[in-house]
């Protein structure tokens, strides 16, 4: 099983090295690891390159969605796994997602924070409530049953994701990817994962703006065949 691991990162020089070290210690050496340095103003790219992984660099910040789209286009693996570069996802959970791909013949595996463990400070009460509301809305409108629609920790078969039509530029990529997976009738499985408090820096999320974007994605996908 050839695996490509895609890590979008923006100004994560303090976290990205530790994330990569944990990944490399826990996955097969032939795994393709792609870090997308999305216009960072710090040494994110250098920290990644020092660890011998493939680095895609954007001259200016373009957003998580654009980063994922560019990396997917060049990924060589049969399976494409996504996780964040800020240190909140636990690379030790990667085998759980890969086992689910095989054991359940899944097309799309979500690392659910809701089914797993949320460490103290991992998510604010407001973000928890908003994420839960978005998930329930997606379940209702698209007749699916997931617990964590906004999880960035996920794995998809490359031949399936190639059929998706991405337009999202930012964090709304999570919603767009999930909804298109549902519409393409992919077999979706969730596994419990651990989510940590962000160890360095601050989140780049702009909640109100992101909420509007997610709503527009939901409505667009709802009325698009």
N, C-alpha and C. Protein backbone atom coordinates (compact mmCIF):
# COMPACT_ATOMS: atom_id res chain seq x y z
N UNK A 1 0.85 -1.19 0.00
CA UNK A 1 0.00 0.00 0.00
C UNK A 1 0.88 1.24 0.00
N UNK A 2 0.87 1.98 -1.09
CA UNK A 2 1.63 3.22 -1.19
C UNK A 2 0.83 4.35 -0.56
N UNK A 3 1.45 5.06 0.35
CA UNK A 3 0.78 6.10 1.12
C UNK A 3 1.41 7.46 0.85
N UNK A 4 0.56 8.46 0.61
CA UNK A 4 1.00 9.85 0.55
C UNK A 4 0.39 10.60 1.73
N UNK A 5 1.23 11.30 2.48
CA UNK A 5 0.78 12.07 3.63
C UNK A 5 0.94 13.55 3.30
N UNK A 6 -0.16 14.28 3.34
CA UNK A 6 -0.16 15.70 2.97
C UNK A 6 -0.39 16.55 4.21
N UNK A 7 0.52 17.52 4.41
CA UNK A 7 0.47 18.38 5.59
C UNK A 7 0.50 19.84 5.17
N UNK A 8 -0.65 20.51 5.15
CA UNK A 8 -0.64 21.95 4.88
C UNK A 8 -0.10 22.69 6.11
N UNK A 9 0.73 23.69 5.88
CA UNK A 9 1.33 24.40 7.01
C UNK A 9 1.54 25.87 6.68
N UNK A 10 1.23 26.72 7.64
CA UNK A 10 1.45 28.16 7.49
C UNK A 10 2.01 28.70 8.79
N UNK A 11 3.24 29.15 8.75
CA UNK A 11 3.94 29.68 9.92
C UNK A 11 3.93 28.69 11.09
N UNK A 12 4.42 27.48 10.80
CA UNK A 12 4.44 26.42 11.82
C UNK A 12 5.86 25.92 12.09
N UNK A 13 6.84 26.82 12.07
CA UNK A 13 8.23 26.39 12.22
C UNK A 13 8.50 25.69 13.56
N UNK A 14 7.76 26.05 14.59
CA UNK A 14 8.00 25.45 15.91
C UNK A 14 7.35 24.08 16.05
N UNK A 15 6.35 23.80 15.23
CA UNK A 15 5.60 22.55 15.37
C UNK A 15 5.92 21.53 14.29
N UNK A 16 6.19 21.99 13.06
CA UNK A 16 6.24 21.08 11.92
C UNK A 16 7.34 20.03 12.06
N UNK A 17 8.48 20.39 12.63
CA UNK A 17 9.57 19.42 12.79
C UNK A 17 9.17 18.27 13.69
N UNK A 18 8.53 18.58 14.80
CA UNK A 18 8.09 17.54 15.73
C UNK A 18 7.02 16.66 15.10
N UNK A 19 6.11 17.28 14.34
CA UNK A 19 5.08 16.50 13.65
C UNK A 19 5.72 15.51 12.68
N UNK A 20 6.67 15.99 11.90
CA UNK A 20 7.33 15.13 10.91
C UNK A 20 8.15 14.03 11.57
N UNK A 21 8.82 14.35 12.66
CA UNK A 21 9.61 13.33 13.37
C UNK A 21 8.70 12.20 13.86
N UNK A 22 7.54 12.56 14.38
CA UNK A 22 6.60 11.55 14.87
C UNK A 22 6.05 10.71 13.73
N UNK A 23 5.76 11.36 12.60
CA UNK A 23 5.25 10.62 11.45
C UNK A 23 6.29 9.63 10.96
N UNK A 24 7.53 10.08 10.81
CA UNK A 24 8.58 9.24 10.23
C UNK A 24 8.95 8.08 11.14
N UNK A 25 8.69 8.23 12.43
CA UNK A 25 9.01 7.15 13.36
C UNK A 25 7.90 6.10 13.41
N UNK A 26 6.73 6.43 12.82
CA UNK A 26 5.60 5.53 12.96
C UNK A 26 5.03 4.97 11.68
N UNK A 27 5.53 5.42 10.52
CA UNK A 27 5.02 4.91 9.25
C UNK A 27 6.15 4.30 8.45
N UNK A 28 5.81 3.52 7.43
CA UNK A 28 6.82 2.88 6.60
C UNK A 28 7.69 3.92 5.91
N UNK A 29 8.94 3.56 5.71
CA UNK A 29 9.91 4.50 5.15
C UNK A 29 9.59 4.90 3.72
N UNK A 30 8.76 4.10 3.03
CA UNK A 30 8.46 4.43 1.63
C UNK A 30 7.25 5.35 1.50
N UNK A 31 6.69 5.79 2.62
CA UNK A 31 5.57 6.72 2.57
C UNK A 31 6.04 8.06 2.00
N UNK A 32 5.24 8.61 1.12
CA UNK A 32 5.53 9.93 0.55
C UNK A 32 4.95 10.99 1.49
N UNK A 33 5.79 11.89 1.96
CA UNK A 33 5.35 12.95 2.86
C UNK A 33 5.51 14.28 2.15
N UNK A 34 4.39 15.00 2.02
CA UNK A 34 4.38 16.28 1.32
C UNK A 34 3.94 17.39 2.28
N UNK A 35 4.83 18.34 2.51
CA UNK A 35 4.48 19.52 3.30
C UNK A 35 4.24 20.67 2.33
N UNK A 36 3.08 21.29 2.45
CA UNK A 36 2.79 22.47 1.63
C UNK A 36 3.00 23.70 2.49
N UNK A 37 4.08 24.42 2.24
CA UNK A 37 4.37 25.65 2.95
C UNK A 37 3.59 26.77 2.26
N UNK A 38 2.50 27.17 2.89
CA UNK A 38 1.56 28.08 2.23
C UNK A 38 1.93 29.54 2.49
N UNK A 39 3.06 29.96 1.93
CA UNK A 39 3.46 31.36 2.04
C UNK A 39 3.93 31.76 3.42
N UNK A 40 4.52 30.83 4.16
CA UNK A 40 4.97 31.14 5.53
C UNK A 40 6.03 32.24 5.54
N UNK A 41 6.00 33.02 6.60
CA UNK A 41 6.98 34.08 6.79
C UNK A 41 8.08 33.66 7.76
N UNK A 42 8.04 32.39 8.17
CA UNK A 42 9.06 31.89 9.09
C UNK A 42 9.84 30.75 8.42
N UNK A 43 10.41 29.86 9.21
CA UNK A 43 11.26 28.80 8.68
C UNK A 43 10.54 27.45 8.56
N UNK A 44 9.24 27.47 8.32
CA UNK A 44 8.49 26.24 8.16
C UNK A 44 9.09 25.35 7.08
N UNK A 45 9.36 25.93 5.91
CA UNK A 45 9.90 25.15 4.78
C UNK A 45 11.27 24.55 5.13
N UNK A 46 12.12 25.33 5.76
CA UNK A 46 13.45 24.84 6.10
C UNK A 46 13.39 23.68 7.09
N UNK A 47 12.53 23.80 8.09
CA UNK A 47 12.37 22.72 9.07
C UNK A 47 11.91 21.43 8.38
N UNK A 48 11.03 21.56 7.40
CA UNK A 48 10.54 20.38 6.68
C UNK A 48 11.62 19.80 5.77
N UNK A 49 12.31 20.65 5.04
CA UNK A 49 13.35 20.18 4.12
C UNK A 49 14.49 19.49 4.85
N UNK A 50 14.80 19.95 6.05
CA UNK A 50 15.87 19.34 6.84
C UNK A 50 15.54 17.89 7.21
N UNK A 51 14.27 17.54 7.13
CA UNK A 51 13.84 16.18 7.46
C UNK A 51 13.62 15.33 6.21
N UNK A 52 14.01 15.85 5.08
CA UNK A 52 14.04 15.05 3.86
C UNK A 52 12.69 14.76 3.23
N UNK A 53 11.70 15.58 3.52
CA UNK A 53 10.38 15.35 2.91
C UNK A 53 10.21 16.27 1.71
N UNK A 54 9.22 15.99 0.90
CA UNK A 54 8.92 16.83 -0.25
C UNK A 54 8.22 18.10 0.24
N UNK A 55 8.69 19.23 -0.22
CA UNK A 55 8.10 20.50 0.19
C UNK A 55 7.60 21.26 -1.04
N UNK A 56 6.32 21.62 -1.01
CA UNK A 56 5.72 22.47 -2.04
C UNK A 56 5.58 23.86 -1.42
N UNK A 57 6.12 24.87 -2.09
CA UNK A 57 6.12 26.21 -1.51
C UNK A 57 5.24 27.16 -2.32
N UNK A 58 4.39 27.89 -1.61
CA UNK A 58 3.62 28.96 -2.21
C UNK A 58 4.29 30.28 -1.87
N UNK A 59 4.44 31.15 -2.85
CA UNK A 59 5.08 32.44 -2.61
C UNK A 59 4.26 33.31 -1.66
N UNK A 60 2.94 33.19 -1.76
CA UNK A 60 2.05 33.93 -0.86
C UNK A 60 1.02 32.96 -0.30
N UNK A 61 0.42 33.32 0.81
CA UNK A 61 -0.58 32.48 1.44
C UNK A 61 -1.82 32.39 0.58
N UNK A 62 -2.23 31.15 0.24
CA UNK A 62 -3.38 30.94 -0.63
C UNK A 62 -4.53 30.21 0.05
N UNK A 63 -4.28 29.61 1.20
CA UNK A 63 -5.33 28.92 1.93
C UNK A 63 -5.16 27.42 1.95
N UNK A 64 -5.76 26.79 2.96
CA UNK A 64 -5.62 25.36 3.15
C UNK A 64 -6.19 24.57 1.97
N UNK A 65 -7.33 25.02 1.45
CA UNK A 65 -7.94 24.31 0.34
C UNK A 65 -7.05 24.27 -0.88
N UNK A 66 -6.45 25.40 -1.22
CA UNK A 66 -5.54 25.46 -2.36
C UNK A 66 -4.33 24.57 -2.11
N UNK A 67 -3.81 24.59 -0.90
CA UNK A 67 -2.65 23.76 -0.55
C UNK A 67 -2.96 22.28 -0.76
N UNK A 68 -4.12 21.85 -0.30
CA UNK A 68 -4.51 20.45 -0.44
C UNK A 68 -4.69 20.08 -1.91
N UNK A 69 -5.33 20.95 -2.67
CA UNK A 69 -5.55 20.67 -4.08
C UNK A 69 -4.23 20.51 -4.83
N UNK A 70 -3.27 21.37 -4.56
CA UNK A 70 -1.98 21.29 -5.24
C UNK A 70 -1.24 20.01 -4.86
N UNK A 71 -1.30 19.66 -3.57
CA UNK A 71 -0.58 18.47 -3.13
C UNK A 71 -1.21 17.19 -3.65
N UNK A 72 -2.55 17.13 -3.68
CA UNK A 72 -3.24 15.95 -4.19
C UNK A 72 -2.88 15.71 -5.65
N UNK A 73 -2.76 16.79 -6.41
CA UNK A 73 -2.46 16.68 -7.84
C UNK A 73 -1.12 16.00 -8.08
N UNK A 74 -0.17 16.16 -7.16
CA UNK A 74 1.16 15.58 -7.36
C UNK A 74 1.40 14.32 -6.52
N UNK A 75 0.44 13.97 -5.64
CA UNK A 75 0.62 12.80 -4.78
C UNK A 75 0.66 11.52 -5.59
N UNK A 76 1.54 10.61 -5.22
CA UNK A 76 1.73 9.37 -5.97
C UNK A 76 1.13 8.15 -5.28
N UNK A 77 0.64 8.33 -4.06
CA UNK A 77 0.15 7.19 -3.29
C UNK A 77 -1.21 6.69 -3.70
N UNK A 78 -1.47 5.43 -3.36
CA UNK A 78 -2.80 4.84 -3.56
C UNK A 78 -3.78 5.42 -2.55
N UNK A 79 -3.25 5.73 -1.36
CA UNK A 79 -4.03 6.36 -0.31
C UNK A 79 -3.42 7.73 -0.02
N UNK A 80 -4.30 8.72 0.21
CA UNK A 80 -3.85 10.07 0.55
C UNK A 80 -4.36 10.41 1.94
N UNK A 81 -3.44 10.69 2.84
CA UNK A 81 -3.80 10.99 4.23
C UNK A 81 -3.48 12.45 4.52
N UNK A 82 -4.39 13.12 5.19
CA UNK A 82 -4.23 14.53 5.52
C UNK A 82 -4.16 14.70 7.04
N UNK A 83 -3.24 15.53 7.50
CA UNK A 83 -3.27 15.96 8.89
C UNK A 83 -2.66 17.34 8.97
N UNK A 84 -2.98 18.06 10.04
CA UNK A 84 -2.52 19.43 10.18
C UNK A 84 -1.08 19.48 10.69
N UNK A 85 -0.42 20.59 10.38
CA UNK A 85 0.98 20.74 10.76
C UNK A 85 1.19 21.50 12.05
N UNK A 86 0.12 21.72 12.82
CA UNK A 86 0.24 22.54 14.04
C UNK A 86 0.46 21.73 15.31
N UNK A 87 0.53 20.40 15.18
CA UNK A 87 0.79 19.57 16.36
C UNK A 87 -0.43 19.15 17.14
N UNK A 88 -1.63 19.48 16.65
CA UNK A 88 -2.83 19.09 17.39
C UNK A 88 -3.27 17.65 17.08
N UNK A 89 -3.01 17.20 15.86
CA UNK A 89 -3.29 15.80 15.52
C UNK A 89 -2.17 14.92 16.05
N UNK A 90 -2.49 13.68 16.39
CA UNK A 90 -1.50 12.74 16.89
C UNK A 90 -1.08 11.80 15.75
N UNK A 91 0.14 11.94 15.22
CA UNK A 91 0.59 11.04 14.16
C UNK A 91 0.55 9.57 14.57
N UNK A 92 0.54 9.32 15.87
CA UNK A 92 0.44 7.94 16.34
C UNK A 92 -0.88 7.29 16.00
N UNK A 93 -1.87 8.10 15.60
CA UNK A 93 -3.18 7.57 15.21
C UNK A 93 -3.25 7.20 13.73
N UNK A 94 -2.21 7.50 12.97
CA UNK A 94 -2.23 7.20 11.54
C UNK A 94 -2.54 5.73 11.26
N UNK A 95 -1.92 4.77 11.98
CA UNK A 95 -2.25 3.36 11.72
C UNK A 95 -3.72 3.03 11.88
N UNK A 96 -4.44 3.73 12.77
CA UNK A 96 -5.88 3.50 12.94
C UNK A 96 -6.63 3.80 11.64
N UNK A 97 -6.28 4.91 11.02
CA UNK A 97 -6.96 5.29 9.79
C UNK A 97 -6.65 4.30 8.67
N UNK A 98 -5.39 3.87 8.60
CA UNK A 98 -4.99 2.94 7.54
C UNK A 98 -5.63 1.56 7.74
N UNK A 99 -5.73 1.12 8.99
CA UNK A 99 -6.38 -0.18 9.26
C UNK A 99 -7.84 -0.13 8.84
N UNK A 100 -8.50 1.00 9.10
CA UNK A 100 -9.91 1.12 8.73
C UNK A 100 -10.08 1.07 7.22
N UNK A 101 -9.13 1.65 6.48
CA UNK A 101 -9.20 1.59 5.02
C UNK A 101 -9.22 0.14 4.55
N UNK A 102 -8.42 -0.70 5.19
CA UNK A 102 -8.32 -2.10 4.80
C UNK A 102 -9.41 -2.97 5.43
N UNK A 103 -9.57 -2.86 6.75
CA UNK A 103 -10.49 -3.75 7.46
C UNK A 103 -11.95 -3.56 7.03
N UNK A 104 -12.32 -2.31 6.73
CA UNK A 104 -13.70 -2.01 6.37
C UNK A 104 -13.86 -1.73 4.88
N UNK A 105 -12.77 -1.92 4.12
CA UNK A 105 -12.79 -1.62 2.68
C UNK A 105 -13.34 -0.21 2.44
N UNK A 106 -12.88 0.70 3.28
CA UNK A 106 -13.38 2.08 3.22
C UNK A 106 -12.75 2.84 2.06
N UNK A 107 -13.46 3.85 1.60
CA UNK A 107 -12.94 4.79 0.61
C UNK A 107 -12.46 6.07 1.27
N UNK A 108 -13.06 6.36 2.43
CA UNK A 108 -12.85 7.65 3.09
C UNK A 108 -12.91 7.41 4.59
N UNK A 109 -11.82 7.70 5.29
CA UNK A 109 -11.78 7.49 6.74
C UNK A 109 -11.54 8.83 7.43
N UNK A 110 -12.37 9.12 8.41
CA UNK A 110 -12.27 10.35 9.18
C UNK A 110 -11.73 10.03 10.58
N UNK A 111 -10.74 10.78 11.00
CA UNK A 111 -10.26 10.68 12.38
C UNK A 111 -11.13 11.57 13.24
N UNK A 112 -12.10 10.98 13.90
CA UNK A 112 -13.11 11.76 14.63
C UNK A 112 -12.61 12.14 16.03
N UNK A 113 -12.59 13.43 16.27
CA UNK A 113 -12.25 13.94 17.61
C UNK A 113 -13.38 13.66 18.58
N UNK A 114 -14.61 13.64 18.07
CA UNK A 114 -15.79 13.45 18.92
C UNK A 114 -15.84 12.01 19.45
N UNK A 115 -15.39 11.04 18.64
CA UNK A 115 -15.37 9.65 19.09
C UNK A 115 -14.14 9.34 19.93
N UNK A 116 -13.13 10.18 19.81
CA UNK A 116 -11.86 9.93 20.49
C UNK A 116 -11.70 10.77 21.75
N UNK A 117 -10.51 11.36 21.90
CA UNK A 117 -10.17 12.08 23.12
C UNK A 117 -9.80 13.52 22.81
N UNK A 118 -10.51 14.44 23.41
CA UNK A 118 -10.19 15.86 23.31
C UNK A 118 -9.43 16.26 24.57
N UNK A 119 -8.15 16.52 24.42
CA UNK A 119 -7.36 16.94 25.57
C UNK A 119 -7.77 18.35 26.00
N UNK A 120 -7.46 18.69 27.24
CA UNK A 120 -7.81 20.00 27.76
C UNK A 120 -7.24 21.10 26.88
N UNK A 121 -8.11 22.02 26.45
CA UNK A 121 -7.67 23.14 25.62
C UNK A 121 -7.61 22.83 24.14
N UNK A 122 -8.00 21.60 23.75
CA UNK A 122 -7.92 21.21 22.34
C UNK A 122 -8.90 21.97 21.47
N UNK A 123 -10.05 22.32 22.03
CA UNK A 123 -11.07 23.04 21.26
C UNK A 123 -11.90 23.87 22.23
N UNK A 124 -12.24 25.07 21.81
CA UNK A 124 -13.05 25.93 22.68
C UNK A 124 -14.50 25.47 22.67
N UNK A 125 -15.26 25.88 23.67
CA UNK A 125 -16.68 25.52 23.74
C UNK A 125 -17.44 26.05 22.53
N UNK A 126 -17.07 27.26 22.10
CA UNK A 126 -17.74 27.85 20.94
C UNK A 126 -17.47 27.02 19.69
N UNK A 127 -16.21 26.68 19.46
CA UNK A 127 -15.86 25.89 18.28
C UNK A 127 -16.51 24.51 18.32
N UNK A 128 -16.57 23.93 19.51
CA UNK A 128 -17.21 22.63 19.68
C UNK A 128 -18.68 22.72 19.27
N UNK A 129 -19.37 23.74 19.76
CA UNK A 129 -20.80 23.88 19.48
C UNK A 129 -21.06 24.15 18.01
N UNK A 130 -20.25 25.03 17.41
CA UNK A 130 -20.44 25.37 16.00
C UNK A 130 -20.14 24.16 15.12
N UNK A 131 -19.07 23.44 15.43
CA UNK A 131 -18.72 22.25 14.65
C UNK A 131 -19.82 21.20 14.75
N UNK A 132 -20.36 21.02 15.94
CA UNK A 132 -21.44 20.05 16.13
C UNK A 132 -22.67 20.44 15.33
N UNK A 133 -22.97 21.74 15.29
CA UNK A 133 -24.13 22.22 14.53
C UNK A 133 -23.92 22.00 13.02
N UNK A 134 -22.72 22.29 12.54
CA UNK A 134 -22.41 22.07 11.12
C UNK A 134 -22.55 20.59 10.77
N UNK A 135 -22.03 19.73 11.63
CA UNK A 135 -22.09 18.29 11.38
C UNK A 135 -23.54 17.81 11.32
N UNK A 136 -24.35 18.25 12.25
CA UNK A 136 -25.76 17.85 12.26
C UNK A 136 -26.48 18.36 11.02
N UNK A 137 -26.14 19.55 10.58
CA UNK A 137 -26.75 20.11 9.37
C UNK A 137 -26.38 19.28 8.14
N UNK A 138 -25.11 18.92 8.03
CA UNK A 138 -24.66 18.09 6.90
C UNK A 138 -25.35 16.72 6.94
N UNK A 139 -25.43 16.13 8.11
CA UNK A 139 -26.09 14.83 8.23
C UNK A 139 -27.55 14.90 7.79
N UNK A 140 -28.22 15.97 8.19
CA UNK A 140 -29.63 16.13 7.84
C UNK A 140 -29.84 16.35 6.34
N UNK A 141 -29.06 17.26 5.77
CA UNK A 141 -29.28 17.64 4.38
C UNK A 141 -28.77 16.60 3.38
N UNK A 142 -27.69 15.89 3.76
CA UNK A 142 -27.09 14.95 2.81
C UNK A 142 -27.32 13.49 3.21
N UNK A 143 -28.14 13.31 4.24
CA UNK A 143 -28.55 11.97 4.67
C UNK A 143 -27.34 11.06 4.92
N UNK A 144 -26.43 11.55 5.73
CA UNK A 144 -25.27 10.76 6.14
C UNK A 144 -25.22 10.70 7.65
N UNK A 145 -24.21 10.08 8.20
CA UNK A 145 -24.15 9.90 9.65
C UNK A 145 -22.69 9.93 10.11
N UNK A 146 -22.16 11.15 10.24
CA UNK A 146 -20.80 11.30 10.75
C UNK A 146 -20.85 12.10 12.04
N UNK A 147 -19.79 12.00 12.83
CA UNK A 147 -19.75 12.73 14.09
C UNK A 147 -18.89 13.98 14.03
N UNK A 148 -17.94 14.01 13.09
CA UNK A 148 -16.97 15.10 13.05
C UNK A 148 -16.71 15.53 11.61
N UNK A 149 -17.58 16.37 11.10
CA UNK A 149 -17.49 16.78 9.69
C UNK A 149 -16.30 17.67 9.40
N UNK A 150 -15.76 18.33 10.42
CA UNK A 150 -14.70 19.32 10.20
C UNK A 150 -13.30 18.79 10.53
N UNK A 151 -13.19 17.51 10.79
CA UNK A 151 -11.88 16.94 11.10
C UNK A 151 -10.95 17.08 9.90
N UNK A 152 -9.73 17.57 10.15
CA UNK A 152 -8.74 17.66 9.08
C UNK A 152 -7.92 16.40 8.94
N UNK A 153 -8.02 15.51 9.92
CA UNK A 153 -7.28 14.26 9.97
C UNK A 153 -8.13 13.20 9.26
N UNK A 154 -7.76 12.84 8.04
CA UNK A 154 -8.59 11.94 7.23
C UNK A 154 -7.74 11.26 6.16
N UNK A 155 -8.28 10.18 5.62
CA UNK A 155 -7.57 9.41 4.59
C UNK A 155 -8.56 9.03 3.50
N UNK A 156 -8.14 9.18 2.25
CA UNK A 156 -9.02 8.93 1.10
C UNK A 156 -8.25 8.15 0.04
N UNK A 157 -8.95 7.29 -0.66
CA UNK A 157 -8.33 6.59 -1.79
C UNK A 157 -8.09 7.61 -2.91
N UNK A 158 -6.89 7.58 -3.46
CA UNK A 158 -6.52 8.57 -4.48
C UNK A 158 -7.42 8.48 -5.72
N UNK A 159 -7.78 7.27 -6.13
CA UNK A 159 -8.60 7.14 -7.33
C UNK A 159 -10.01 7.70 -7.12
N UNK A 160 -10.43 7.80 -5.87
CA UNK A 160 -11.74 8.37 -5.56
C UNK A 160 -11.68 9.89 -5.50
N UNK A 161 -10.66 10.41 -4.83
CA UNK A 161 -10.59 11.86 -4.65
C UNK A 161 -10.29 12.57 -5.96
N UNK A 162 -9.70 11.87 -6.92
CA UNK A 162 -9.44 12.46 -8.23
C UNK A 162 -10.73 12.83 -8.95
N UNK A 163 -11.84 12.20 -8.56
CA UNK A 163 -13.13 12.47 -9.20
C UNK A 163 -13.84 13.69 -8.60
N UNK A 164 -13.31 14.20 -7.49
CA UNK A 164 -13.94 15.34 -6.83
C UNK A 164 -13.66 16.62 -7.62
N UNK A 165 -14.56 17.57 -7.48
CA UNK A 165 -14.38 18.88 -8.11
C UNK A 165 -14.25 19.92 -7.01
N UNK A 166 -13.01 20.24 -6.66
CA UNK A 166 -12.77 21.16 -5.56
C UNK A 166 -12.80 22.61 -6.01
N UNK A 167 -13.44 23.44 -5.20
CA UNK A 167 -13.44 24.88 -5.41
C UNK A 167 -12.99 25.63 -4.15
N UNK A 168 -13.07 24.97 -3.00
CA UNK A 168 -12.74 25.62 -1.72
C UNK A 168 -11.28 26.05 -1.69
N UNK A 169 -11.05 27.22 -1.13
CA UNK A 169 -9.70 27.75 -1.02
C UNK A 169 -9.16 27.67 0.41
N UNK A 170 -10.05 27.66 1.38
CA UNK A 170 -9.62 27.70 2.77
C UNK A 170 -10.01 26.46 3.55
N UNK A 171 -10.36 26.65 4.83
CA UNK A 171 -10.71 25.54 5.71
C UNK A 171 -12.06 24.92 5.33
N UNK A 172 -12.80 25.57 4.45
CA UNK A 172 -14.04 24.97 3.97
C UNK A 172 -13.80 23.73 3.11
N UNK A 173 -12.53 23.43 2.82
CA UNK A 173 -12.19 22.22 2.07
C UNK A 173 -12.66 20.97 2.79
N UNK A 174 -12.67 20.98 4.14
CA UNK A 174 -13.13 19.82 4.89
C UNK A 174 -14.59 19.50 4.58
N UNK A 175 -15.43 20.53 4.57
CA UNK A 175 -16.85 20.34 4.26
C UNK A 175 -17.03 19.89 2.82
N UNK A 176 -16.36 20.56 1.91
CA UNK A 176 -16.49 20.24 0.49
C UNK A 176 -16.07 18.80 0.21
N UNK A 177 -14.97 18.36 0.79
CA UNK A 177 -14.47 17.01 0.55
C UNK A 177 -15.45 15.97 1.09
N UNK A 178 -15.96 16.20 2.30
CA UNK A 178 -16.89 15.25 2.90
C UNK A 178 -18.19 15.16 2.10
N UNK A 179 -18.75 16.30 1.77
CA UNK A 179 -20.03 16.31 1.06
C UNK A 179 -19.89 15.64 -0.31
N UNK A 180 -18.78 15.90 -0.99
CA UNK A 180 -18.59 15.26 -2.29
C UNK A 180 -18.37 13.75 -2.13
N UNK A 181 -17.75 13.34 -1.05
CA UNK A 181 -17.61 11.91 -0.79
C UNK A 181 -18.97 11.26 -0.60
N UNK A 182 -19.86 11.94 0.11
CA UNK A 182 -21.22 11.43 0.30
C UNK A 182 -21.95 11.36 -1.04
N UNK A 183 -21.85 12.41 -1.82
CA UNK A 183 -22.54 12.46 -3.11
C UNK A 183 -22.01 11.41 -4.10
N UNK A 184 -20.73 11.08 -3.98
CA UNK A 184 -20.15 10.04 -4.83
C UNK A 184 -20.37 8.64 -4.25
N UNK A 185 -21.12 8.59 -3.14
CA UNK A 185 -21.48 7.32 -2.50
C UNK A 185 -20.25 6.52 -2.06
N UNK A 186 -19.26 7.21 -1.54
CA UNK A 186 -18.08 6.52 -1.02
C UNK A 186 -18.41 5.87 0.32
N UNK A 187 -17.71 4.80 0.61
CA UNK A 187 -17.86 4.14 1.92
C UNK A 187 -17.05 4.94 2.94
N UNK A 188 -17.76 5.59 3.88
CA UNK A 188 -17.13 6.47 4.86
C UNK A 188 -17.13 5.80 6.23
N UNK A 189 -15.98 5.79 6.85
CA UNK A 189 -15.80 5.19 8.18
C UNK A 189 -15.12 6.22 9.08
N UNK A 190 -15.50 6.24 10.35
CA UNK A 190 -14.84 7.10 11.32
C UNK A 190 -14.10 6.25 12.36
N UNK A 191 -12.95 6.76 12.80
CA UNK A 191 -12.21 6.10 13.87
C UNK A 191 -11.88 7.15 14.94
N UNK A 192 -11.78 6.74 16.19
CA UNK A 192 -11.47 7.70 17.25
C UNK A 192 -10.00 8.11 17.23
N UNK A 193 -9.75 9.40 17.40
CA UNK A 193 -8.38 9.91 17.47
C UNK A 193 -8.26 10.88 18.64
N UNK A 194 -7.03 11.21 18.95
CA UNK A 194 -6.75 12.16 20.03
C UNK A 194 -6.44 13.53 19.44
N UNK A 195 -6.99 14.54 20.06
CA UNK A 195 -6.74 15.92 19.64
C UNK A 195 -6.10 16.67 20.81
N UNK A 196 -4.94 17.29 20.56
CA UNK A 196 -4.21 18.01 21.59
C UNK A 196 -4.45 19.51 21.52
N UNK A 197 -4.15 20.20 22.59
CA UNK A 197 -4.12 21.66 22.58
C UNK A 197 -3.00 22.10 21.66
N UNK A 198 -3.21 23.15 20.95
CA UNK A 198 -2.19 23.68 20.06
C UNK A 198 -0.96 24.06 20.88
N UNK A 199 0.22 23.47 20.58
CA UNK A 199 1.39 23.70 21.42
C UNK A 199 2.06 25.05 21.21
N UNK A 200 1.94 25.62 20.01
CA UNK A 200 2.60 26.88 19.69
C UNK A 200 1.67 27.78 18.90
N UNK A 201 1.82 29.08 19.10
CA UNK A 201 1.10 30.04 18.28
C UNK A 201 -0.40 30.04 18.50
N UNK A 202 -1.07 30.68 17.55
CA UNK A 202 -2.53 30.80 17.63
C UNK A 202 -3.17 30.28 16.35
N UNK A 203 -4.42 29.86 16.46
CA UNK A 203 -5.15 29.35 15.31
C UNK A 203 -5.33 30.46 14.27
N UNK A 204 -5.30 30.05 12.99
CA UNK A 204 -5.51 31.01 11.90
C UNK A 204 -6.98 31.09 11.49
N UNK A 205 -7.84 30.37 12.19
CA UNK A 205 -9.26 30.36 11.84
C UNK A 205 -9.89 31.72 12.06
N UNK A 206 -10.70 32.13 11.10
CA UNK A 206 -11.55 33.32 11.24
C UNK A 206 -12.98 32.80 11.25
N UNK A 207 -13.53 32.62 12.45
CA UNK A 207 -14.75 31.84 12.63
C UNK A 207 -15.92 32.33 11.79
N UNK A 208 -16.21 33.63 11.86
CA UNK A 208 -17.39 34.14 11.16
C UNK A 208 -17.23 33.96 9.65
N UNK A 209 -16.07 34.35 9.13
CA UNK A 209 -15.83 34.23 7.69
C UNK A 209 -15.88 32.77 7.26
N UNK A 210 -15.29 31.88 8.08
CA UNK A 210 -15.31 30.46 7.74
C UNK A 210 -16.73 29.92 7.76
N UNK A 211 -17.52 30.35 8.73
CA UNK A 211 -18.90 29.89 8.81
C UNK A 211 -19.69 30.24 7.56
N UNK A 212 -19.48 31.44 7.03
CA UNK A 212 -20.16 31.86 5.80
C UNK A 212 -19.71 31.00 4.63
N UNK A 213 -18.42 30.71 4.56
CA UNK A 213 -17.89 29.89 3.47
C UNK A 213 -18.44 28.46 3.54
N UNK A 214 -18.49 27.91 4.75
CA UNK A 214 -19.01 26.55 4.91
C UNK A 214 -20.48 26.50 4.49
N UNK A 215 -21.25 27.49 4.90
CA UNK A 215 -22.67 27.55 4.52
C UNK A 215 -22.81 27.62 3.00
N UNK A 216 -21.97 28.42 2.35
CA UNK A 216 -22.07 28.54 0.90
C UNK A 216 -21.69 27.23 0.22
N UNK A 217 -20.71 26.48 0.78
CA UNK A 217 -20.35 25.18 0.23
C UNK A 217 -21.51 24.21 0.35
N UNK A 218 -22.14 24.19 1.52
CA UNK A 218 -23.28 23.29 1.75
C UNK A 218 -24.40 23.58 0.77
N UNK A 219 -24.73 24.85 0.60
CA UNK A 219 -25.83 25.20 -0.31
C UNK A 219 -25.46 24.90 -1.76
N UNK A 220 -24.23 25.20 -2.15
CA UNK A 220 -23.81 24.93 -3.53
C UNK A 220 -23.87 23.44 -3.83
N UNK A 221 -23.34 22.63 -2.91
CA UNK A 221 -23.31 21.19 -3.13
C UNK A 221 -24.71 20.58 -3.06
N UNK A 222 -25.56 21.17 -2.25
CA UNK A 222 -26.93 20.66 -2.11
C UNK A 222 -27.70 20.80 -3.42
N UNK A 223 -27.43 21.88 -4.14
CA UNK A 223 -28.18 22.14 -5.37
C UNK A 223 -27.38 21.86 -6.65
N UNK A 224 -26.22 21.20 -6.49
CA UNK A 224 -25.42 20.81 -7.64
C UNK A 224 -25.50 19.30 -7.81
N UNK A 225 -25.87 18.79 -8.98
CA UNK A 225 -25.98 17.34 -9.18
C UNK A 225 -24.67 16.63 -8.90
